Protein backbone atom coordinates (compact mmCIF):
# COMPACT_ATOMS: atom_id res chain seq x y z
CA MET A 1 0.02 -0.13 -0.24
CA ARG A 2 2.54 2.34 0.66
CA PHE A 3 3.99 2.01 -2.80
CA VAL A 4 0.52 2.79 -3.98
CA LEU A 5 0.33 5.62 -3.89
CA PRO A 6 4.38 6.84 -4.66
CA LEU A 7 3.48 5.06 -7.57
CA MET A 8 0.35 6.82 -8.56
CA ALA A 9 2.35 10.15 -7.97
CA LEU A 10 5.19 9.14 -10.10
CA LEU A 11 2.39 7.81 -13.28
CA LEU A 12 0.49 10.94 -12.95
CA LEU A 13 3.93 13.02 -13.78
CA ALA A 14 5.16 11.49 -16.25
CA GLY A 15 1.36 12.31 -18.47
CA CYS A 16 1.95 15.93 -17.44
CA ASP A 17 3.19 17.94 -20.11
CA THR A 18 4.74 21.62 -20.17
CA VAL A 19 3.91 24.26 -22.33
CA GLU A 20 6.93 23.54 -24.63
CA SER A 21 6.34 19.80 -25.79
CA VAL A 22 2.18 20.33 -26.59
CA ARG A 23 4.08 23.05 -29.14
CA ASP A 24 6.76 21.47 -30.57
CA ARG A 25 4.41 18.53 -30.60
CA MET A 26 2.14 20.53 -32.97
CA THR A 27 4.36 22.33 -35.24
CA GLN A 28 6.14 19.20 -35.58
CA GLY A 29 7.78 18.69 -39.07
CA ALA A 30 7.11 22.22 -39.91
CA PRO A 31 9.56 25.01 -38.44
CA PRO A 32 8.16 28.64 -38.84
CA GLN A 33 8.87 30.19 -41.73
CA GLU A 34 11.84 33.06 -40.38
CA ARG A 35 12.70 36.23 -42.86
CA ILE A 36 13.78 39.46 -42.22
CA PHE A 37 12.71 42.39 -42.81
CA ALA A 38 15.22 45.73 -42.70
CA ALA A 39 12.19 47.80 -40.91
CA GLU A 40 11.12 48.51 -37.42
CA PRO A 41 8.76 46.10 -35.41
CA THR A 42 5.95 49.05 -36.04
CA ALA A 43 6.20 49.26 -39.75
CA THR A 44 6.97 45.85 -40.58
CA TYR A 45 4.03 44.98 -38.47
CA ALA A 46 1.24 47.41 -40.02
CA ALA A 47 2.54 45.95 -43.68
CA ALA A 48 2.26 42.74 -42.39
CA ARG A 49 -1.10 43.00 -41.97
CA ALA A 50 -1.21 45.63 -44.48
CA ALA A 51 0.01 41.70 -46.54
CA LEU A 52 -2.85 39.93 -44.74
CA ILE A 53 -6.02 41.76 -45.56
CA SER A 54 -4.44 42.42 -49.44
CA LEU A 55 -4.04 38.16 -49.49
CA GLY A 56 -7.83 37.86 -47.99
CA PHE A 57 -7.28 37.27 -44.93
CA LYS A 58 -9.04 38.73 -42.11
CA GLN A 59 -6.83 38.99 -38.71
CA THR A 60 -8.26 37.60 -35.04
CA HIS A 61 -5.95 38.16 -32.74
CA GLY A 62 -2.87 39.83 -32.13
CA GLY A 63 -1.16 43.25 -31.95
CA PRO A 64 1.67 44.88 -32.16
CA ALA A 65 2.56 45.42 -28.41
CA GLU A 66 2.08 42.07 -28.14
CA GLY A 67 3.96 41.08 -31.66
CA THR A 68 1.69 37.96 -32.18
CA LEU A 69 -0.58 37.88 -35.87
CA ASP A 70 -2.90 35.56 -36.71
CA ALA A 71 -5.11 35.69 -38.64
CA LEU A 72 -7.78 32.83 -41.13
CA SER A 73 -8.61 33.26 -44.67
CA ALA A 74 -11.87 32.88 -45.69
CA ILE A 75 -13.85 29.07 -46.04
CA GLN A 76 -13.14 27.75 -49.45
CA PRO A 77 -15.28 24.32 -50.58
CA GLY A 78 -13.51 21.40 -49.11
CA ASP A 79 -12.63 18.58 -51.61
CA ASN A 80 -15.47 16.50 -50.79
CA PRO A 81 -19.01 17.41 -51.48
CA GLY A 82 -20.64 19.50 -48.12
CA GLY A 83 -16.66 19.88 -47.02
CA ALA A 84 -14.52 23.73 -46.30
CA ARG A 85 -11.01 24.83 -46.04
CA GLN A 86 -9.90 27.03 -44.19
CA VAL A 87 -6.39 28.82 -44.11
CA SER A 88 -5.02 30.14 -40.05
CA ILE A 89 -2.05 32.31 -40.44
CA HIS A 90 0.37 32.89 -36.97
CA ALA A 91 3.18 35.14 -37.17
CA GLU A 92 4.93 37.02 -34.60
CA LEU A 93 7.74 39.68 -34.66
CA ARG A 94 10.76 40.37 -32.82
CA ALA A 95 13.04 43.13 -33.40
CA VAL A 96 17.06 41.97 -34.45
CA GLU A 97 20.06 43.26 -35.24
CA GLY A 98 19.26 44.82 -38.83
CA GLY A 99 15.43 45.24 -38.56
CA THR A 100 12.20 42.78 -37.61
CA ALA A 101 12.37 38.92 -37.57
CA VAL A 102 8.99 37.43 -39.08
CA ASP A 103 8.41 34.25 -38.10
CA VAL A 104 5.26 32.63 -40.13
CA GLN A 105 3.43 29.10 -39.85
CA MET A 106 0.26 28.28 -41.75
CA ARG A 107 -2.28 25.98 -40.85
CA GLU A 108 -5.02 24.17 -42.81
CA ILE A 109 -8.09 23.82 -41.33
CA ILE A 110 -9.90 20.90 -43.46
CA GLU A 111 -14.08 19.66 -42.83
CA ASP A 112 -14.42 16.70 -44.59
CA ASP A 113 -18.24 16.91 -43.99
CA SER A 114 -19.53 20.23 -43.09
CA GLU A 115 -23.14 19.28 -43.01
CA HIS A 116 -23.87 16.44 -41.52
CA HIS A 117 -20.13 17.01 -38.75
CA PRO A 118 -20.21 20.41 -38.61
CA GLY A 119 -16.63 21.18 -36.31
CA MET A 120 -15.43 17.61 -37.09
CA ALA A 121 -12.17 19.51 -38.38
CA THR A 122 -8.65 17.94 -39.38
CA ASN A 123 -5.45 21.32 -38.91
CA SER A 124 -2.31 20.90 -40.20
CA ALA A 125 0.78 22.67 -40.95
CA LEU A 126 1.45 23.09 -44.38
CA ARG A 127 4.93 22.50 -45.07
CA ASP A 128 5.59 22.56 -48.62
CA THR A 129 3.77 25.95 -50.40
CA PRO A 130 4.36 28.55 -51.95
CA MET A 131 1.90 30.68 -49.43
CA TYR A 132 4.98 31.78 -46.95
CA GLU A 133 7.01 32.98 -50.01
CA VAL A 134 3.54 35.41 -51.33
CA TYR A 135 2.94 36.64 -47.75
CA PHE A 136 6.28 38.03 -47.14
CA HIS A 137 6.46 39.09 -50.94
CA ALA A 138 4.10 41.28 -49.91
CA ILE A 139 4.82 42.56 -47.00
CA GLN A 140 8.58 43.53 -49.21
CA ALA A 141 5.36 44.69 -50.76
CA ALA A 142 4.29 46.91 -48.41
CA LEU A 143 8.04 48.03 -46.58
CA ALA A 144 8.82 49.17 -50.68
CA PRO A 145 8.42 53.52 -50.31
CA GLY A 146 6.60 54.90 -52.92
CA PRO A 147 4.21 54.56 -54.55
CA ARG A 148 1.48 51.84 -54.33
CA LYS A 149 -1.85 50.85 -56.71
């Protein structure tokens, strides 16, 4: 009996995760993409936000003081009838020597049958997609001096 309680406590503690290990599992196999822009964090944040809007995303969370930006794309039809697809973006901005680093992670949210099984979606990291380069290019374009169309 005196070994049962310590054994139960050990098993309970072994199942606990730290925030870092949970984050590692969520991003497993798809580290954030990083780009450094030669601009101050405030200007880079404004450009990153403008880039999201120009690409059709809607900001859902974050701000310049937090150094984060979360956004969702419009809901698109999925591959299956009744399915839906959406992309989420999480960006973290931080000052570095020579400018601002922007770390971006994109995730694809797919719901195969939203009509009959609402809320049953999968959420997976986007790895090899040109969307990262498109987003970084849009940030650079928003930072560029001169008239914009």
